């Protein structure tokens, strides 16, 4: 099974609906983030967290990969944060 097919199977199992708001913890370079952004549709959103350093990774860093994703049509549905999930959740003030 390809990595993309595996991600799509997980999303189907999780029953993510159009318009959903999704929190992804440990997004890395954003491979699953892209699949989640597609699943939530135009009215949905994905908040993707990673505690790693933006300059981590090779041949592309986390920051480079995420910047590329944000420049695509799905990018408008995604917000990336380089932050500990515990810190993010302890300061979250949204709905």
Protein backbone atom coordinates (compact mmCIF):
# COMPACT_ATOMS: atom_id res chain seq x y z
CA UNK A 1 0.00 0.00 0.00
CA UNK A 2 1.37 3.42 -0.90
CA UNK A 3 1.83 6.07 1.77
CA UNK A 4 -0.89 8.19 0.15
CA UNK A 5 -3.33 5.27 0.11
CA UNK A 6 -2.53 4.60 3.77
CA UNK A 7 -3.24 8.23 4.69
CA UNK A 8 -6.50 8.19 2.73
CA UNK A 9 -7.53 4.97 4.48
CA UNK A 10 -6.86 6.54 7.89
CA UNK A 11 -8.88 9.63 7.00
CA UNK A 12 -11.79 7.46 5.87
CA UNK A 13 -11.55 5.46 9.12
CA UNK A 14 -11.55 8.67 11.18
CA UNK A 15 -14.66 9.80 9.24
CA UNK A 16 -13.40 13.35 8.75
CA UNK A 17 -16.23 15.36 7.25
CA UNK A 18 -16.19 18.36 4.93
CA UNK A 19 -16.03 21.53 7.01
CA UNK A 20 -14.24 19.84 9.92
CA UNK A 21 -11.55 21.49 12.01
CA UNK A 22 -8.66 19.10 12.58
CA UNK A 23 -5.68 19.30 14.94
CA UNK A 24 -2.67 17.31 13.75
CA UNK A 25 0.06 16.74 16.34
CA UNK A 26 3.50 15.90 14.99
CA UNK A 27 2.95 17.05 11.40
CA UNK A 28 6.59 16.93 10.33
CA UNK A 29 6.98 18.00 6.72
CA UNK A 30 3.23 17.95 6.20
CA UNK A 31 2.54 14.82 4.16
CA UNK A 32 -0.54 13.86 6.19
CA UNK A 33 -1.44 17.53 6.63
CA UNK A 34 -2.05 17.83 2.88
CA UNK A 35 -4.34 14.79 2.88
CA UNK A 36 -6.23 16.20 5.88
CA UNK A 37 -6.61 19.60 4.19
CA UNK A 38 -8.10 17.89 1.15
CA UNK A 39 -10.50 15.91 3.36
CA UNK A 40 -11.85 18.93 5.27
CA UNK A 41 -12.68 20.80 2.08
CA UNK A 42 -12.86 24.53 1.43
CA UNK A 43 -14.85 25.25 4.59
CA UNK A 44 -12.61 23.19 6.89
CA UNK A 45 -9.22 23.81 8.42
CA UNK A 46 -6.19 21.98 9.74
CA UNK A 47 -3.96 23.21 12.54
CA UNK A 48 -0.68 21.31 12.25
CA UNK A 49 1.76 21.27 15.16
CA UNK A 50 5.35 20.11 15.31
CA UNK A 51 7.74 20.62 18.23
CA UNK A 52 10.76 20.29 15.92
CA UNK A 53 13.01 23.11 14.84
CA UNK A 54 12.05 24.80 11.55
CA UNK A 55 15.56 24.08 10.22
CA UNK A 56 15.33 20.33 10.92
CA UNK A 57 15.33 17.97 7.95
CA UNK A 58 17.18 17.11 4.80
CA UNK A 59 17.15 17.58 1.86
CA UNK A 60 14.30 19.97 2.73
CA UNK A 61 13.80 21.44 6.17
CA UNK A 62 10.45 21.42 7.94
CA UNK A 63 10.08 25.14 7.24
CA UNK A 64 10.85 24.76 3.53
CA UNK A 65 8.44 21.89 3.10
CA UNK A 66 5.69 23.67 5.00
CA UNK A 67 6.24 26.90 3.04
CA UNK A 68 5.84 24.95 -0.19
CA UNK A 69 2.57 23.41 1.06
CA UNK A 70 1.25 26.83 2.09
CA UNK A 71 1.87 28.12 -1.46
CA UNK A 72 -0.50 25.50 -2.93
CA UNK A 73 -4.30 25.78 -3.24
CA UNK A 74 -4.68 23.63 -0.09
CA UNK A 75 -2.42 25.99 1.87
CA UNK A 76 -5.28 28.34 2.74
CA UNK A 77 -6.82 25.55 4.83
CA UNK A 78 -3.66 24.93 6.89
CA UNK A 79 -1.98 26.71 9.78
CA UNK A 80 1.44 25.37 10.82
CA UNK A 81 2.96 25.99 14.25
CA UNK A 82 6.40 25.03 15.54
CA UNK A 83 5.35 24.46 19.14
CA UNK A 84 4.95 21.78 21.77
CA UNK A 85 1.42 20.34 21.66
CA UNK A 86 1.13 20.78 25.44
CA UNK A 87 2.09 24.46 25.21
CA UNK A 88 -0.27 25.02 22.26
CA UNK A 89 -3.21 23.38 24.01
CA UNK A 90 -2.52 25.15 27.31
CA UNK A 91 -2.72 28.55 25.58
CA UNK A 92 -5.50 27.78 23.08
CA UNK A 93 -8.40 30.23 23.29
CA UNK A 94 -10.44 29.26 20.24
CA UNK A 95 -13.87 27.65 20.05
